[in-house]
Amino acid sequence: MKLLVTNQNNSERIARFIISIFLIPAPFIYGYELFSIAQAVVGGVLLFNSISGMCAIYRIFGANTCKY
């Protein structure tokens, strides 16, 4: 069983990357509050998803948006 299997298409990866770029610096802009730290964590997860092409939730439900 492979650990990091790509299950996202390129347009979805690009969208996740753009969203993560806006979410990651939230604690620096809005201060270190719980909500802004949560935004940064979500941004980090989206950045990992966009770079690796693997979404854990897609994998749990067996979804795959890649075109073969």
PDB file of N, CA and C in Angstrom:
ATOM      1  N   MET A   1       0.841  -1.185   0.000  1.00  0.00           N
ATOM      2  CA  MET A   1       0.000   0.000   0.000  1.00  0.00           C
ATOM      3  C   MET A   1       0.882   1.244   0.000  1.00  0.00           C
ATOM      4  N   LYS A   2       0.640   2.090  -0.965  1.00  0.00           N
ATOM      5  CA  LYS A   2       1.390   3.338  -1.043  1.00  0.00           C
ATOM      6  C   LYS A   2       0.818   4.352  -0.074  1.00  0.00           C
ATOM      7  N   LEU A   3       1.698   5.136   0.521  1.00  0.00           N
ATOM      8  CA  LEU A   3       1.265   6.094   1.538  1.00  0.00           C
ATOM      9  C   LEU A   3       0.710   7.375   0.915  1.00  0.00           C
ATOM     10  N   LEU A   4       1.423   7.950  -0.035  1.00  0.00           N
ATOM     11  CA  LEU A   4       0.994   9.202  -0.661  1.00  0.00           C
ATOM     12  C   LEU A   4       0.580   8.937  -2.106  1.00  0.00           C
ATOM     13  N   VAL A   5      -0.696   8.656  -2.305  1.00  0.00           N
ATOM     14  CA  VAL A   5      -1.243   8.413  -3.628  1.00  0.00           C
ATOM     15  C   VAL A   5      -1.954   9.678  -4.073  1.00  0.00           C
ATOM     16  N   THR A   6      -1.622  10.179  -5.246  1.00  0.00           N
ATOM     17  CA  THR A   6      -2.249  11.400  -5.755  1.00  0.00           C
ATOM     18  C   THR A   6      -3.713  11.135  -6.068  1.00  0.00           C
ATOM     19  N   ASN A   7      -4.609  11.918  -5.474  1.00  0.00           N
ATOM     20  CA  ASN A   7      -6.041  11.749  -5.727  1.00  0.00           C
ATOM     21  C   ASN A   7      -6.744  13.089  -5.993  1.00  0.00           C
ATOM     22  N   GLN A   8      -5.975  14.107  -6.414  1.00  0.00           N
ATOM     23  CA  GLN A   8      -6.544  15.409  -6.750  1.00  0.00           C
ATOM     24  C   GLN A   8      -6.086  15.817  -8.144  1.00  0.00           C
ATOM     25  N   ASN A   9      -6.988  16.464  -8.886  1.00  0.00           N
ATOM     26  CA  ASN A   9      -6.578  16.968 -10.192  1.00  0.00           C
ATOM     27  C   ASN A   9      -5.844  18.301 -10.036  1.00  0.00           C
ATOM     28  N   ASN A  10      -5.237  18.775 -11.110  1.00  0.00           N
ATOM     29  CA  ASN A  10      -4.381  19.964 -11.031  1.00  0.00           C
ATOM     30  C   ASN A  10      -5.140  21.236 -10.673  1.00  0.00           C
ATOM     31  N   SER A  11      -6.347  21.415 -11.191  1.00  0.00           N
ATOM     32  CA  SER A  11      -7.085  22.640 -10.877  1.00  0.00           C
ATOM     33  C   SER A  11      -7.455  22.695  -9.396  1.00  0.00           C
ATOM     34  N   GLU A  12      -7.751  21.568  -8.815  1.00  0.00           N
ATOM     35  CA  GLU A  12      -8.058  21.521  -7.390  1.00  0.00           C
ATOM     36  C   GLU A  12      -6.818  21.804  -6.553  1.00  0.00           C
ATOM     37  N   ARG A  13      -5.683  21.303  -6.991  1.00  0.00           N
ATOM     38  CA  ARG A  13      -4.429  21.566  -6.283  1.00  0.00           C
ATOM     39  C   ARG A  13      -4.069  23.040  -6.335  1.00  0.00           C
ATOM     40  N   ILE A  14      -4.281  23.677  -7.472  1.00  0.00           N
ATOM     41  CA  ILE A  14      -3.979  25.106  -7.609  1.00  0.00           C
ATOM     42  C   ILE A  14      -4.905  25.931  -6.711  1.00  0.00           C
ATOM     43  N   ALA A  15      -6.191  25.575  -6.665  1.00  0.00           N
ATOM     44  CA  ALA A  15      -7.141  26.295  -5.814  1.00  0.00           C
ATOM     45  C   ALA A  15      -6.759  26.160  -4.341  1.00  0.00           C
ATOM     46  N   ARG A  16      -6.372  24.967  -3.927  1.00  0.00           N
ATOM     47  CA  ARG A  16      -5.964  24.766  -2.533  1.00  0.00           C
ATOM     48  C   ARG A  16      -4.700  25.554  -2.212  1.00  0.00           C
ATOM     49  N   PHE A  17      -3.780  25.639  -3.169  1.00  0.00           N
ATOM     50  CA  PHE A  17      -2.552  26.400  -2.945  1.00  0.00           C
ATOM     51  C   PHE A  17      -2.852  27.877  -2.756  1.00  0.00           C
ATOM     52  N   ILE A  18      -3.717  28.430  -3.610  1.00  0.00           N
ATOM     53  CA  ILE A  18      -4.052  29.849  -3.515  1.00  0.00           C
ATOM     54  C   ILE A  18      -4.758  30.153  -2.190  1.00  0.00           C
ATOM     55  N   ILE A  19      -5.682  29.296  -1.782  1.00  0.00           N
ATOM     56  CA  ILE A  19      -6.376  29.500  -0.509  1.00  0.00           C
ATOM     57  C   ILE A  19      -5.403  29.415   0.659  1.00  0.00           C
ATOM     58  N   SER A  20      -4.457  28.475   0.592  1.00  0.00           N
ATOM     59  CA  SER A  20      -3.494  28.326   1.693  1.00  0.00           C
ATOM     60  C   SER A  20      -2.583  29.540   1.817  1.00  0.00           C
ATOM     61  N   ILE A  21      -2.253  30.176   0.702  1.00  0.00           N
ATOM     62  CA  ILE A  21      -1.402  31.362   0.736  1.00  0.00           C
ATOM     63  C   ILE A  21      -2.084  32.490   1.531  1.00  0.00           C
ATOM     64  N   PHE A  22      -3.416  32.553   1.463  1.00  0.00           N
ATOM     65  CA  PHE A  22      -4.139  33.584   2.211  1.00  0.00           C
ATOM     66  C   PHE A  22      -4.361  33.203   3.676  1.00  0.00           C
ATOM     67  N   LEU A  23      -4.423  31.912   3.980  1.00  0.00           N
ATOM     68  CA  LEU A  23      -4.729  31.486   5.346  1.00  0.00           C
ATOM     69  C   LEU A  23      -3.506  31.385   6.246  1.00  0.00           C
ATOM     70  N   ILE A  24      -2.370  31.017   5.711  1.00  0.00           N
ATOM     71  CA  ILE A  24      -1.183  30.771   6.541  1.00  0.00           C
ATOM     72  C   ILE A  24      -0.723  32.008   7.318  1.00  0.00           C
ATOM     73  N   PRO A  25      -0.674  33.204   6.749  1.00  0.00           N
ATOM     74  CA  PRO A  25      -0.189  34.352   7.534  1.00  0.00           C
ATOM     75  C   PRO A  25      -1.226  34.985   8.457  1.00  0.00           C
ATOM     76  N   ALA A  26      -2.360  34.357   8.684  1.00  0.00           N
ATOM     77  CA  ALA A  26      -3.423  34.942   9.511  1.00  0.00           C
ATOM     78  C   ALA A  26      -2.970  35.316  10.918  1.00  0.00           C
ATOM     79  N   PRO A  27      -2.192  34.486  11.633  1.00  0.00           N
ATOM     80  CA  PRO A  27      -1.783  34.905  12.982  1.00  0.00           C
ATOM     81  C   PRO A  27      -0.901  36.148  12.993  1.00  0.00           C
ATOM     82  N   PHE A  28      -0.137  36.348  11.954  1.00  0.00           N
ATOM     83  CA  PHE A  28       0.730  37.527  11.896  1.00  0.00           C
ATOM     84  C   PHE A  28      -0.075  38.791  11.605  1.00  0.00           C
ATOM     85  N   ILE A  29      -1.177  38.646  10.891  1.00  0.00           N
ATOM     86  CA  ILE A  29      -1.997  39.797  10.519  1.00  0.00           C
ATOM     87  C   ILE A  29      -3.012  40.135  11.612  1.00  0.00           C
ATOM     88  N   TYR A  30      -3.716  39.116  12.125  1.00  0.00           N
ATOM     89  CA  TYR A  30      -4.817  39.339  13.065  1.00  0.00           C
ATOM     90  C   TYR A  30      -4.440  39.111  14.522  1.00  0.00           C
ATOM     91  N   GLY A  31      -3.211  38.751  14.800  1.00  0.00           N
ATOM     92  CA  GLY A  31      -2.808  38.475  16.176  1.00  0.00           C
ATOM     93  C   GLY A  31      -2.943  36.994  16.487  1.00  0.00           C
ATOM     94  N   TYR A  32      -2.347  36.610  17.571  1.00  0.00           N
ATOM     95  CA  TYR A  32      -2.311  35.196  17.928  1.00  0.00           C
ATOM     96  C   TYR A  32      -3.537  34.807  18.751  1.00  0.00           C
ATOM     97  N   GLU A  33      -4.665  34.755  18.087  1.00  0.00           N
ATOM     98  CA  GLU A  33      -5.904  34.311  18.700  1.00  0.00           C
ATOM     99  C   GLU A  33      -6.220  32.910  18.185  1.00  0.00           C
ATOM    100  N   LEU A  34      -7.145  32.242  18.840  1.00  0.00           N
ATOM    101  CA  LEU A  34      -7.464  30.862  18.492  1.00  0.00           C
ATOM    102  C   LEU A  34      -7.950  30.734  17.052  1.00  0.00           C
ATOM    103  N   PHE A  35      -8.808  31.648  16.621  1.00  0.00           N
ATOM    104  CA  PHE A  35      -9.369  31.565  15.280  1.00  0.00           C
ATOM    105  C   PHE A  35      -8.292  31.764  14.205  1.00  0.00           C
ATOM    106  N   SER A  36      -7.393  32.701  14.401  1.00  0.00           N
ATOM    107  CA  SER A  36      -6.363  32.940  13.396  1.00  0.00           C
ATOM    108  C   SER A  36      -5.339  31.801  13.372  1.00  0.00           C
ATOM    109  N   ILE A  37      -5.079  31.197  14.524  1.00  0.00           N
ATOM    110  CA  ILE A  37      -4.181  30.038  14.550  1.00  0.00           C
ATOM    111  C   ILE A  37      -4.851  28.851  13.855  1.00  0.00           C
ATOM    112  N   ALA A  38      -6.153  28.681  14.046  1.00  0.00           N
ATOM    113  CA  ALA A  38      -6.886  27.620  13.354  1.00  0.00           C
ATOM    114  C   ALA A  38      -6.854  27.846  11.840  1.00  0.00           C
ATOM    115  N   GLN A  39      -6.957  29.101  11.411  1.00  0.00           N
ATOM    116  CA  GLN A  39      -6.855  29.400   9.985  1.00  0.00           C
ATOM    117  C   GLN A  39      -5.484  29.018   9.446  1.00  0.00           C
ATOM    118  N   ALA A  40      -4.438  29.286  10.200  1.00  0.00           N
ATOM    119  CA  ALA A  40      -3.091  28.944   9.761  1.00  0.00           C
ATOM    120  C   ALA A  40      -2.909  27.431   9.675  1.00  0.00           C
ATOM    121  N   VAL A  41      -3.487  26.706  10.613  1.00  0.00           N
ATOM    122  CA  VAL A  41      -3.390  25.238  10.574  1.00  0.00           C
ATOM    123  C   VAL A  41      -4.124  24.694   9.356  1.00  0.00           C
ATOM    124  N   VAL A  42      -5.313  25.198   9.085  1.00  0.00           N
ATOM    125  CA  VAL A  42      -6.055  24.776   7.893  1.00  0.00           C
ATOM    126  C   VAL A  42      -5.267  25.136   6.633  1.00  0.00           C
ATOM    127  N   GLY A  43      -4.649  26.308   6.622  1.00  0.00           N
ATOM    128  CA  GLY A  43      -3.816  26.700   5.492  1.00  0.00           C
ATOM    129  C   GLY A  43      -2.632  25.765   5.309  1.00  0.00           C
ATOM    130  N   GLY A  44      -2.032  25.315   6.414  1.00  0.00           N
ATOM    131  CA  GLY A  44      -0.925  24.370   6.328  1.00  0.00           C
ATOM    132  C   GLY A  44      -1.362  23.030   5.769  1.00  0.00           C
ATOM    133  N   VAL A  45      -2.536  22.570   6.175  1.00  0.00           N
ATOM    134  CA  VAL A  45      -3.065  21.307   5.643  1.00  0.00           C
ATOM    135  C   VAL A  45      -3.353  21.444   4.151  1.00  0.00           C
ATOM    136  N   LEU A  46      -3.938  22.562   3.758  1.00  0.00           N
ATOM    137  CA  LEU A  46      -4.212  22.785   2.335  1.00  0.00           C
ATOM    138  C   LEU A  46      -2.927  22.897   1.526  1.00  0.00           C
ATOM    139  N   LEU A  47      -1.893  23.504   2.108  1.00  0.00           N
ATOM    140  CA  LEU A  47      -0.613  23.593   1.417  1.00  0.00           C
ATOM    141  C   LEU A  47      -0.015  22.205   1.217  1.00  0.00           C
ATOM    142  N   PHE A  48      -0.075  21.368   2.248  1.00  0.00           N
ATOM    143  CA  PHE A  48       0.404  19.997   2.107  1.00  0.00           C
ATOM    144  C   PHE A  48      -0.374  19.257   1.029  1.00  0.00           C
ATOM    145  N   ASN A  49      -1.705  19.425   1.025  1.00  0.00           N
ATOM    146  CA  ASN A  49      -2.536  18.776   0.014  1.00  0.00           C
ATOM    147  C   ASN A  49      -2.168  19.241  -1.390  1.00  0.00           C
ATOM    148  N   SER A  50      -1.934  20.527  -1.549  1.00  0.00           N
ATOM    149  CA  SER A  50      -1.641  21.042  -2.885  1.00  0.00           C
ATOM    150  C   SER A  50      -0.269  20.616  -3.378  1.00  0.00           C
ATOM    151  N   ILE A  51       0.689  20.502  -2.482  1.00  0.00           N
ATOM    152  CA  ILE A  51       2.036  20.088  -2.909  1.00  0.00           C
ATOM    153  C   ILE A  51       2.090  18.587  -3.161  1.00  0.00           C
ATOM    154  N   SER A  52       1.501  17.804  -2.266  1.00  0.00           N
ATOM    155  CA  SER A  52       1.585  16.347  -2.407  1.00  0.00           C
ATOM    156  C   SER A  52       0.541  15.791  -3.372  1.00  0.00           C
ATOM    157  N   GLY A  53      -0.583  16.467  -3.520  1.00  0.00           N
ATOM    158  CA  GLY A  53      -1.645  15.960  -4.380  1.00  0.00           C
ATOM    159  C   GLY A  53      -2.488  14.893  -3.714  1.00  0.00           C
ATOM    160  N   MET A  54      -2.295  14.694  -2.416  1.00  0.00           N
ATOM    161  CA  MET A  54      -3.011  13.664  -1.679  1.00  0.00           C
ATOM    162  C   MET A  54      -3.876  14.299  -0.609  1.00  0.00           C
ATOM    163  N   CYS A  55      -5.172  13.989  -0.639  1.00  0.00           N
ATOM    164  CA  CYS A  55      -6.105  14.466   0.378  1.00  0.00           C
ATOM    165  C   CYS A  55      -6.533  13.268   1.217  1.00  0.00           C
ATOM    166  N   ALA A  56      -6.333  13.354   2.529  1.00  0.00           N
ATOM    167  CA  ALA A  56      -6.649  12.234   3.412  1.00  0.00           C
ATOM    168  C   ALA A  56      -8.152  11.962   3.459  1.00  0.00           C
ATOM    169  N   ILE A  57      -8.960  13.013   3.417  1.00  0.00           N
ATOM    170  CA  ILE A  57     -10.413  12.816   3.454  1.00  0.00           C
ATOM    171  C   ILE A  57     -10.885  12.131   2.175  1.00  0.00           C
ATOM    172  N   TYR A  58     -10.327  12.492   1.040  1.00  0.00           N
ATOM    173  CA  TYR A  58     -10.654  11.800  -0.205  1.00  0.00           C
ATOM    174  C   TYR A  58     -10.286  10.328  -0.097  1.00  0.00           C
ATOM    175  N   ARG A  59      -9.144  10.064   0.513  1.00  0.00           N
ATOM    176  CA  ARG A  59      -8.686   8.683   0.637  1.00  0.00           C
ATOM    177  C   ARG A  59      -9.602   7.876   1.554  1.00  0.00           C
ATOM    178  N   ILE A  60     -10.084   8.469   2.628  1.00  0.00           N
ATOM    179  CA  ILE A  60     -10.990   7.767   3.547  1.00  0.00           C
ATOM    180  C   ILE A  60     -12.288   7.380   2.829  1.00  0.00           C
ATOM    181  N   PHE A  61     -12.832   8.299   2.032  1.00  0.00           N
ATOM    182  CA  PHE A  61     -14.085   8.035   1.338  1.00  0.00           C
ATOM    183  C   PHE A  61     -13.903   7.389  -0.036  1.00  0.00           C
ATOM    184  N   GLY A  62     -12.670   7.198  -0.470  1.00  0.00           N
ATOM    185  CA  GLY A  62     -12.413   6.543  -1.747  1.00  0.00           C
ATOM    186  C   GLY A  62     -12.629   7.429  -2.955  1.00  0.00           C
ATOM    187  N   ALA A  63     -12.605   8.733  -2.761  1.00  0.00           N
ATOM    188  CA  ALA A  63     -12.793   9.672  -3.871  1.00  0.00           C
ATOM    189  C   ALA A  63     -11.470   9.897  -4.597  1.00  0.00           C
ATOM    190  N   ASN A  64     -11.564  10.133  -5.890  1.00  0.00           N
ATOM    191  CA  ASN A  64     -10.390  10.412  -6.708  1.00  0.00           C
ATOM    192  C   ASN A  64     -10.822  11.308  -7.846  1.00  0.00           C
ATOM    193  N   THR A  65     -10.259  12.519  -7.917  1.00  0.00           N
ATOM    194  CA  THR A  65     -10.645  13.454  -8.967  1.00  0.00           C
ATOM    195  C   THR A  65      -9.618  13.539 -10.086  1.00  0.00           C
ATOM    196  N   CYS A  66      -8.611  12.663 -10.052  1.00  0.00           N
ATOM    197  CA  CYS A  66      -7.598  12.644 -11.112  1.00  0.00           C
ATOM    198  C   CYS A  66      -8.197  12.029 -12.377  1.00  0.00           C
ATOM    199  N   LYS A  67      -7.748  12.526 -13.504  1.00  0.00           N
ATOM    200  CA  LYS A  67      -8.150  11.951 -14.788  1.00  0.00           C
ATOM    201  C   LYS A  67      -7.041  11.018 -15.238  1.00  0.00           C
ATOM    202  N   TYR A  68      -7.420   9.825 -15.619  1.00  0.00           N
ATOM    203  CA  TYR A  68      -6.418   8.854 -16.058  1.00  0.00           C
ATOM    204  C   TYR A  68      -6.259   8.856 -17.542  1.00  0.00           C
TER     205      TYR A  68
END
